[in-house]
Amino acid sequence: MTDEQKNAFGFSGKSLLWDELCKILNALQEQEVLITISQDTKGEDRIHAAGRADGVNLVLNTLNHYREEAKRLNGIV
């Protein structure tokens, strides 16, 4: 983790930006999963939708990992 990442993700207290970013990503993740499992999504479209859902999941998990690691390094945990 770089110093910039440690400083950016290692904030203490509340962050309106962080909270809103997480809300948006969680809503996007839910939307992509619903598209993936929809009866209307067929064949290759389902595969593509699953990939998009997985991509959102990867971003969300990565950001949460950076947040937790930065908090640990900054002694916030």
Protein backbone atom coordinates (compact mmCIF):
# COMPACT_ATOMS: atom_id res chain seq x y z
CA MET A 1 0.00 0.00 0.00
CA THR A 2 1.38 3.39 -0.96
CA ASP A 3 1.44 6.36 1.39
CA GLU A 4 -1.19 8.04 -0.79
CA GLN A 5 -3.49 5.03 -0.48
CA LYS A 6 -2.84 4.82 3.27
CA ASN A 7 -3.80 8.49 3.66
CA ALA A 8 -6.78 8.35 1.30
CA PHE A 9 -8.35 5.20 2.73
CA GLY A 10 -7.17 5.54 6.33
CA PHE A 11 -9.45 8.34 7.41
CA SER A 12 -11.04 8.30 10.84
CA GLY A 13 -14.65 9.12 11.52
CA LYS A 14 -17.28 9.44 8.82
CA SER A 15 -16.76 10.29 5.17
CA LEU A 16 -19.76 11.35 3.11
CA LEU A 17 -17.82 10.55 -0.08
CA TRP A 18 -16.94 7.03 1.11
CA ASP A 19 -20.50 6.33 2.28
CA GLU A 20 -22.04 7.51 -0.99
CA LEU A 21 -19.48 5.64 -3.09
CA CYS A 22 -20.26 2.42 -1.22
CA LYS A 23 -24.02 2.98 -1.62
CA ILE A 24 -23.64 3.49 -5.37
CA LEU A 25 -21.43 0.44 -5.80
CA ASN A 26 -23.71 -1.76 -3.69
CA ALA A 27 -26.76 -0.64 -5.71
CA LEU A 28 -24.88 -1.24 -8.97
CA GLN A 29 -23.80 -4.68 -7.76
CA GLU A 30 -27.39 -5.59 -6.88
CA GLN A 31 -28.63 -4.33 -10.24
CA GLU A 32 -26.03 -6.36 -12.16
CA VAL A 33 -26.83 -9.52 -10.20
CA LEU A 34 -30.55 -9.08 -10.89
CA ILE A 35 -29.84 -8.69 -14.61
CA THR A 36 -27.64 -11.80 -14.51
CA ILE A 37 -30.29 -14.00 -12.87
CA SER A 38 -33.24 -12.57 -14.80
CA GLN A 39 -35.23 -15.06 -16.85
CA ASP A 40 -35.04 -12.57 -19.71
CA THR A 41 -31.23 -12.77 -19.83
CA LYS A 42 -30.16 -15.61 -22.10
CA GLY A 43 -26.98 -17.25 -23.35
CA GLU A 44 -24.03 -15.00 -23.94
CA ASP A 45 -25.91 -12.04 -22.49
CA ARG A 46 -26.03 -13.90 -19.16
CA ILE A 47 -22.29 -14.59 -19.34
CA HIS A 48 -21.60 -10.92 -20.09
CA ALA A 49 -23.91 -9.78 -17.27
CA ALA A 50 -22.19 -12.15 -14.84
CA GLY A 51 -18.85 -10.66 -15.84
CA ARG A 52 -20.13 -7.14 -15.19
CA ALA A 53 -21.48 -8.22 -11.80
CA ASP A 54 -18.14 -9.82 -10.96
CA GLY A 55 -16.32 -6.65 -12.03
CA VAL A 56 -18.40 -4.48 -9.70
CA ASN A 57 -17.85 -7.02 -6.93
CA LEU A 58 -14.09 -6.90 -7.51
CA VAL A 59 -14.02 -3.09 -7.28
CA LEU A 60 -16.15 -3.07 -4.13
CA ASN A 61 -14.07 -5.76 -2.43
CA THR A 62 -10.83 -4.06 -3.42
CA LEU A 63 -11.92 -0.70 -2.03
CA ASN A 64 -13.08 -2.34 1.21
CA HIS A 65 -9.75 -4.18 1.47
CA TYR A 66 -7.83 -0.92 0.99
CA ARG A 67 -10.01 0.76 3.62
CA GLU A 68 -9.46 -1.99 6.19
CA GLU A 69 -5.72 -2.20 5.52
CA ALA A 70 -5.29 1.58 5.73
CA LYS A 71 -7.26 1.70 9.00
CA ARG A 72 -5.02 -1.04 10.41
CA LEU A 73 -1.84 0.74 9.31
CA ASN A 74 -3.08 4.03 10.75
CA GLY A 75 -4.04 2.38 14.07
CA ILE A 76 -7.76 3.07 13.63
CA VAL A 77 -9.02 -0.52 13.91
